[in-house]
Amino acid sequence: MWYHADKLTSRKLKRNVLGLDRVEEGGCSATWFLSELKRRYGSVLRAFLAVDAKTGSLNFHMFSVAYARLGYSRDVRMVWFLLDADGSGEVDLDEMDPTASGLLRRFHCVVVAAGE
């Protein structure tokens, strides 16, 4: 009997890793998506730069193309609306990874101050 329960748990974990189920226990697929970006790219910042290094933000079309390129197709609109916290129609690094965004802002200030 314990083997069956263990196998069931393993199957649930596998479905979550493959993106077939949303994260259980009140989690959202946006949270899972961000953790998957960290797993694949090492950080959300690296993933963001791989998709868009020019404008600093993604509109829905750019996001959905990048989402599909990563191999995802489910819940793209839901993930988009959860990430676009301010409802601006664009997702920037500050919305996806506020910590990395803050570090970059501080680094920019230090570099600018050193150049003066």
Protein backbone atom coordinates (compact mmCIF):
# COMPACT_ATOMS: atom_id res chain seq x y z
CA MET A 1 0.00 0.00 0.00
CA TRP A 2 2.83 2.46 0.81
CA TYR A 3 4.27 1.85 -2.68
CA HIS A 4 1.03 2.96 -4.31
CA ALA A 5 0.91 6.18 -2.26
CA ASP A 6 4.56 6.87 -3.05
CA LYS A 7 3.91 6.27 -6.74
CA LEU A 8 0.94 8.65 -6.64
CA THR A 9 3.03 11.38 -5.03
CA SER A 10 5.74 10.85 -7.61
CA ARG A 11 3.17 11.15 -10.40
CA LYS A 12 1.83 14.43 -8.95
CA LEU A 13 5.34 15.86 -8.68
CA LYS A 14 6.09 14.82 -12.25
CA ARG A 15 2.91 16.52 -13.49
CA ASN A 16 3.87 19.73 -11.67
CA VAL A 17 7.42 19.69 -13.05
CA LEU A 18 6.06 19.23 -16.56
CA GLY A 19 3.60 22.09 -16.09
CA LEU A 20 0.57 19.87 -16.45
CA ASP A 21 -0.88 20.97 -13.12
CA ARG A 22 -0.77 24.28 -11.40
CA VAL A 23 1.13 24.37 -8.15
CA GLU A 24 -1.13 22.93 -5.51
CA GLU A 25 -2.00 24.22 -2.05
CA GLY A 26 -3.08 27.71 -3.10
CA GLY A 27 -0.09 28.44 -5.32
CA CYS A 28 -0.50 29.98 -8.74
CA SER A 29 0.96 29.11 -12.06
CA ALA A 30 2.74 32.49 -12.19
CA THR A 31 4.75 31.50 -9.12
CA TRP A 32 5.54 28.14 -10.67
CA PHE A 33 6.52 29.83 -13.95
CA LEU A 34 8.95 32.17 -12.20
CA SER A 35 10.52 29.26 -10.32
CA GLU A 36 10.85 27.40 -13.61
CA LEU A 37 12.63 30.41 -15.14
CA LYS A 38 15.04 30.38 -12.20
CA ARG A 39 15.63 26.67 -12.68
CA ARG A 40 16.26 26.94 -16.43
CA TYR A 41 18.20 30.22 -16.59
CA GLY A 42 19.64 30.54 -13.10
CA SER A 43 17.63 33.69 -12.40
CA VAL A 44 14.58 35.58 -13.62
CA LEU A 45 16.92 38.38 -14.71
CA ARG A 46 18.86 36.08 -17.05
CA ALA A 47 15.62 34.77 -18.52
CA PHE A 48 14.31 38.31 -18.96
CA LEU A 49 17.50 39.41 -20.72
CA ALA A 50 17.37 36.35 -22.98
CA VAL A 51 13.94 37.45 -24.16
CA ASP A 52 14.26 41.23 -24.18
CA ALA A 53 17.39 43.27 -23.56
CA LYS A 54 16.28 46.42 -25.38
CA THR A 55 13.12 47.96 -23.97
CA GLY A 56 13.14 46.66 -20.41
CA SER A 57 9.56 45.42 -20.58
CA LEU A 58 7.43 42.89 -22.41
CA ASN A 59 3.97 43.40 -23.87
CA PHE A 60 1.52 40.50 -24.01
CA HIS A 61 2.51 39.45 -27.53
CA MET A 62 6.22 39.34 -26.67
CA PHE A 63 5.46 37.50 -23.43
CA SER A 64 3.25 34.89 -25.11
CA VAL A 65 5.87 34.24 -27.82
CA ALA A 66 8.57 33.78 -25.16
CA TYR A 67 6.21 31.63 -23.07
CA ALA A 68 5.58 29.35 -26.07
CA ARG A 69 9.29 29.28 -26.94
CA LEU A 70 9.93 27.91 -23.46
CA GLY A 71 7.49 25.11 -24.28
CA TYR A 72 4.45 26.33 -22.36
CA SER A 73 0.99 26.89 -23.73
CA ARG A 74 -1.37 26.50 -20.79
CA ASP A 75 -2.69 29.45 -18.82
CA VAL A 76 -0.65 32.08 -20.67
CA ARG A 77 -3.31 34.76 -20.07
CA MET A 78 -3.69 33.90 -16.41
CA VAL A 79 0.08 33.99 -15.85
CA TRP A 80 0.23 37.29 -17.76
CA PHE A 81 -2.43 38.96 -15.63
CA LEU A 82 -0.83 37.70 -12.43
CA LEU A 83 2.59 39.04 -13.46
CA ASP A 84 1.27 42.38 -14.77
CA ALA A 85 0.51 43.55 -11.25
CA ASP A 86 0.00 47.20 -12.13
CA GLY A 87 -2.24 46.47 -15.13
CA SER A 88 -0.07 48.58 -17.44
CA GLY A 89 -0.17 46.08 -20.30
CA GLU A 90 3.56 45.50 -19.95
CA VAL A 91 5.60 43.32 -17.61
CA ASP A 92 8.97 44.61 -16.50
CA LEU A 93 11.68 43.15 -14.34
CA ASP A 94 10.36 44.98 -11.29
CA GLU A 95 7.11 43.01 -11.54
CA MET A 96 8.82 39.68 -12.23
CA ASP A 97 11.75 39.95 -9.81
CA PRO A 98 11.67 43.05 -7.58
CA THR A 99 14.84 42.01 -5.74
CA ALA A 100 16.95 41.79 -8.91
CA SER A 101 15.42 45.01 -10.18
CA GLY A 102 16.35 46.82 -6.96
CA LEU A 103 19.90 45.50 -7.11
CA LEU A 104 20.26 46.68 -10.70
CA ARG A 105 18.96 50.15 -9.79
CA ARG A 106 21.45 50.41 -6.93
CA PHE A 107 24.29 49.19 -9.17
CA HIS A 108 23.33 51.77 -11.79
CA CYS A 109 23.39 54.55 -9.17
CA VAL A 110 26.86 53.47 -7.97
CA VAL A 111 28.22 53.35 -11.53
CA VAL A 112 26.75 56.77 -12.37
CA ALA A 113 28.10 58.27 -9.13
CA ALA A 114 31.57 56.81 -9.79
CA GLY A 115 31.60 58.37 -13.24
CA GLU A 116 30.95 61.88 -11.97
